[in-house]
């Protein structure tokens, strides 16, 4: 059930951020993503570890997407706070994506090649969906898709490795769950 909730919550957040970013309501999408992240942190066993993962993935995403903007591969119509950088809603989406790494994307762990292929295909497809909804434009669609594919082929295994180290969803057994052996 947790896997389904995580997957559906991400889809809702993805759609909210893209649609708000496309319609000059970028803060609305960022707020939806933030609410989903807070709920995620409330449900996990170690929120501080998971929050560190979310913050690091957000920072990685901010740098990557800002580089794409600065190099002219992507253009965002709304939500940019600093000229030449990624908008806040796409950074919120990266942080939202981090909430899937230890739950609905967990099955990709230690399957580095598959994770790379998965990233190379589905990362650009997500951006293409955002493009079709008006959240992002590409001066050259083909070049943008190639760059996004290469980037996501690298990011998926890297982010999954980071998530494995910062897994705040693992439950660690505590003493009351174990029967103490009585001395004989």
Protein backbone atom coordinates (compact mmCIF):
# COMPACT_ATOMS: atom_id res chain seq x y z
CA UNK A 1 0.00 0.00 0.00
CA UNK A 2 2.86 2.36 0.83
CA UNK A 3 4.31 1.82 -2.65
CA UNK A 4 1.00 2.72 -4.30
CA UNK A 5 0.53 5.82 -2.11
CA UNK A 6 4.09 6.94 -2.92
CA UNK A 7 3.63 6.42 -6.65
CA UNK A 8 0.25 8.20 -6.80
CA UNK A 9 1.46 11.07 -4.59
CA UNK A 10 4.42 11.64 -6.92
CA UNK A 11 2.17 11.64 -9.99
CA UNK A 12 -0.16 14.19 -8.37
CA UNK A 13 2.82 16.36 -7.41
CA UNK A 14 4.41 16.06 -10.84
CA UNK A 15 1.22 17.12 -12.58
CA UNK A 16 0.61 19.98 -10.11
CA UNK A 17 4.13 21.39 -10.51
CA UNK A 18 4.14 21.16 -14.30
CA UNK A 19 0.66 22.61 -14.76
CA UNK A 20 1.26 25.43 -12.30
CA UNK A 21 4.63 26.16 -13.90
CA UNK A 22 2.94 26.31 -17.29
CA UNK A 23 0.18 28.64 -16.14
CA UNK A 24 1.99 31.28 -14.10
CA UNK A 25 0.90 29.67 -10.82
CA UNK A 26 4.29 28.17 -10.03
CA UNK A 27 3.98 28.67 -6.26
CA UNK A 28 0.85 26.51 -6.22
CA UNK A 29 2.78 23.55 -7.61
CA UNK A 30 5.66 24.14 -5.23
CA UNK A 31 3.19 24.18 -2.32
CA UNK A 32 1.58 20.90 -3.47
CA UNK A 33 5.01 19.27 -3.79
CA UNK A 34 5.99 20.61 -0.35
CA UNK A 35 2.82 19.21 1.23
CA UNK A 36 3.50 15.78 -0.29
CA UNK A 37 7.09 15.91 0.97
CA UNK A 38 5.92 16.82 4.49
CA UNK A 39 3.43 13.92 4.47
CA UNK A 40 6.20 11.61 3.24
CA UNK A 41 8.50 12.73 6.06
CA UNK A 42 5.69 12.22 8.57
CA UNK A 43 5.26 8.59 7.43
CA UNK A 44 8.91 7.44 7.33
CA UNK A 45 10.81 5.89 10.22
CA UNK A 46 13.81 8.24 10.07
CA UNK A 47 12.68 11.66 8.78
CA UNK A 48 16.05 13.36 9.32
CA UNK A 49 17.85 10.90 7.01
CA UNK A 50 15.11 11.16 4.43
CA UNK A 51 15.12 14.97 4.65
CA UNK A 52 18.88 15.00 4.01
CA UNK A 53 18.31 12.85 0.92
CA UNK A 54 15.52 15.17 -0.28
CA UNK A 55 17.70 18.27 0.26
CA UNK A 56 20.70 16.74 -1.56
CA UNK A 57 18.57 15.62 -4.51
CA UNK A 58 17.03 19.10 -4.63
CA UNK A 59 20.51 20.66 -4.73
CA UNK A 60 21.65 18.27 -7.47
CA UNK A 61 18.50 19.03 -9.46
CA UNK A 62 18.90 22.79 -9.00
CA UNK A 63 22.46 22.67 -10.34
CA UNK A 64 21.62 20.33 -13.24
CA UNK A 65 18.50 22.14 -14.38
CA UNK A 66 20.17 25.53 -13.96
CA UNK A 67 23.00 24.29 -16.18
CA UNK A 68 20.43 23.20 -18.79
CA UNK A 69 18.87 26.68 -18.68
CA UNK A 70 22.24 28.46 -18.81
CA UNK A 71 23.38 26.34 -21.76
CA UNK A 72 20.12 26.99 -23.63
CA UNK A 73 18.72 23.46 -23.65
CA UNK A 74 15.61 24.35 -21.61
CA UNK A 75 13.48 27.45 -21.13
CA UNK A 76 10.89 27.75 -18.37
CA UNK A 77 8.03 30.20 -18.85
CA UNK A 78 7.32 30.84 -15.14
CA UNK A 79 8.74 30.36 -11.66
CA UNK A 80 12.32 31.47 -12.16
CA UNK A 81 13.53 33.50 -9.20
CA UNK A 82 17.03 34.22 -10.54
CA UNK A 83 17.54 34.82 -14.26
CA UNK A 84 19.39 31.96 -15.96
CA UNK A 85 18.54 29.35 -13.31
CA UNK A 86 15.97 26.63 -12.88
CA UNK A 87 12.57 27.66 -11.52
CA UNK A 88 11.64 26.84 -7.94
CA UNK A 89 8.91 24.43 -9.03
CA UNK A 90 11.35 22.17 -10.92
CA UNK A 91 13.61 22.06 -7.85
CA UNK A 92 10.52 21.14 -5.78
CA UNK A 93 9.84 18.39 -8.32
CA UNK A 94 13.37 17.02 -7.86
CA UNK A 95 12.79 16.99 -4.11
CA UNK A 96 9.47 15.26 -4.68
CA UNK A 97 11.23 12.71 -6.90
CA UNK A 98 13.59 11.97 -4.00
CA UNK A 99 10.59 10.68 -2.02
CA UNK A 100 10.22 7.85 -4.55
CA UNK A 101 13.81 6.62 -4.42
CA UNK A 102 13.45 4.55 -1.24
CA UNK A 103 9.89 3.41 -1.86
CA UNK A 104 8.51 3.05 -5.39
CA UNK A 105 11.96 3.10 -7.06
CA UNK A 106 13.55 0.79 -4.47
CA UNK A 107 13.36 -2.16 -6.89
CA UNK A 108 16.04 -0.48 -9.06
CA UNK A 109 18.66 -0.55 -6.30
CA UNK A 110 21.92 -2.26 -7.23
CA UNK A 111 20.62 -2.74 -10.76
CA UNK A 112 22.88 0.02 -12.03
CA UNK A 113 22.64 -0.74 -15.73
CA UNK A 114 18.86 -1.09 -15.60
CA UNK A 115 18.64 2.12 -13.55
CA UNK A 116 20.74 3.92 -16.18
CA UNK A 117 18.54 2.66 -19.01
CA UNK A 118 15.40 3.50 -17.02
CA UNK A 119 16.73 7.04 -16.44
CA UNK A 120 17.82 7.47 -20.07
CA UNK A 121 14.32 6.64 -21.29
CA UNK A 122 11.92 7.93 -18.65
CA UNK A 123 13.77 11.09 -17.57
CA UNK A 124 13.48 12.69 -21.03
CA UNK A 125 9.94 11.33 -21.42
CA UNK A 126 8.89 13.16 -18.24
CA UNK A 127 10.43 16.37 -19.62
CA UNK A 128 8.71 15.77 -22.94
CA UNK A 129 5.40 15.44 -21.10
CA UNK A 130 6.17 18.75 -19.37
CA UNK A 131 6.97 20.25 -22.75
CA UNK A 132 3.63 19.11 -24.19
CA UNK A 133 1.82 20.62 -21.16
CA UNK A 134 3.67 23.93 -21.56
CA UNK A 135 5.84 23.78 -18.43
CA UNK A 136 9.11 23.86 -20.38
CA UNK A 137 10.21 24.64 -23.91
CA UNK A 138 13.21 23.42 -25.86
CA UNK A 139 14.92 25.62 -28.45
CA UNK A 140 16.05 22.34 -30.06
CA UNK A 141 13.94 19.36 -28.97
CA UNK A 142 16.30 16.70 -30.34
CA UNK A 143 19.41 18.11 -28.66
CA UNK A 144 17.54 18.62 -25.39
CA UNK A 145 16.30 15.01 -25.42
CA UNK A 146 19.82 13.71 -26.07
CA UNK A 147 21.32 15.77 -23.23
CA UNK A 148 18.48 14.84 -20.87
CA UNK A 149 18.88 11.17 -21.75
CA UNK A 150 22.61 11.21 -21.01
CA UNK A 151 22.07 13.16 -17.80
CA UNK A 152 19.35 10.88 -16.49
CA UNK A 153 21.34 7.77 -17.43
CA UNK A 154 23.98 9.04 -14.98
CA UNK A 155 21.60 10.45 -12.36
CA UNK A 156 19.39 7.42 -11.78
CA UNK A 157 22.13 5.05 -10.56
CA UNK A 158 23.80 7.89 -8.64
CA UNK A 159 20.57 8.97 -6.92
CA UNK A 160 19.67 5.38 -6.06
CA UNK A 161 23.12 4.86 -4.50
CA UNK A 162 22.66 8.04 -2.49
CA UNK A 163 19.18 6.92 -1.43
CA UNK A 164 20.53 3.57 -0.28
CA UNK A 165 22.96 5.35 2.05
CA UNK A 166 20.32 7.81 3.27
CA UNK A 167 17.36 5.46 3.54
CA UNK A 168 15.02 6.98 6.07
CA UNK A 169 12.28 4.47 5.26
CA UNK A 170 14.03 1.45 6.77
CA UNK A 171 12.57 0.29 10.01
CA UNK A 172 15.11 -0.78 12.55
CA UNK A 173 13.90 -3.27 15.12
CA UNK A 174 13.87 -2.02 18.67
CA UNK A 175 14.28 -4.03 21.85
CA UNK A 176 10.54 -4.51 22.63
CA UNK A 177 10.08 -6.38 19.34
CA UNK A 178 12.52 -9.11 20.36
CA UNK A 179 12.04 -11.68 23.02
CA UNK A 180 14.83 -11.57 25.51
CA UNK A 181 16.42 -14.96 26.12
CA UNK A 182 16.26 -15.89 29.73
CA UNK A 183 19.42 -17.30 31.26
CA UNK A 184 19.22 -21.00 31.95
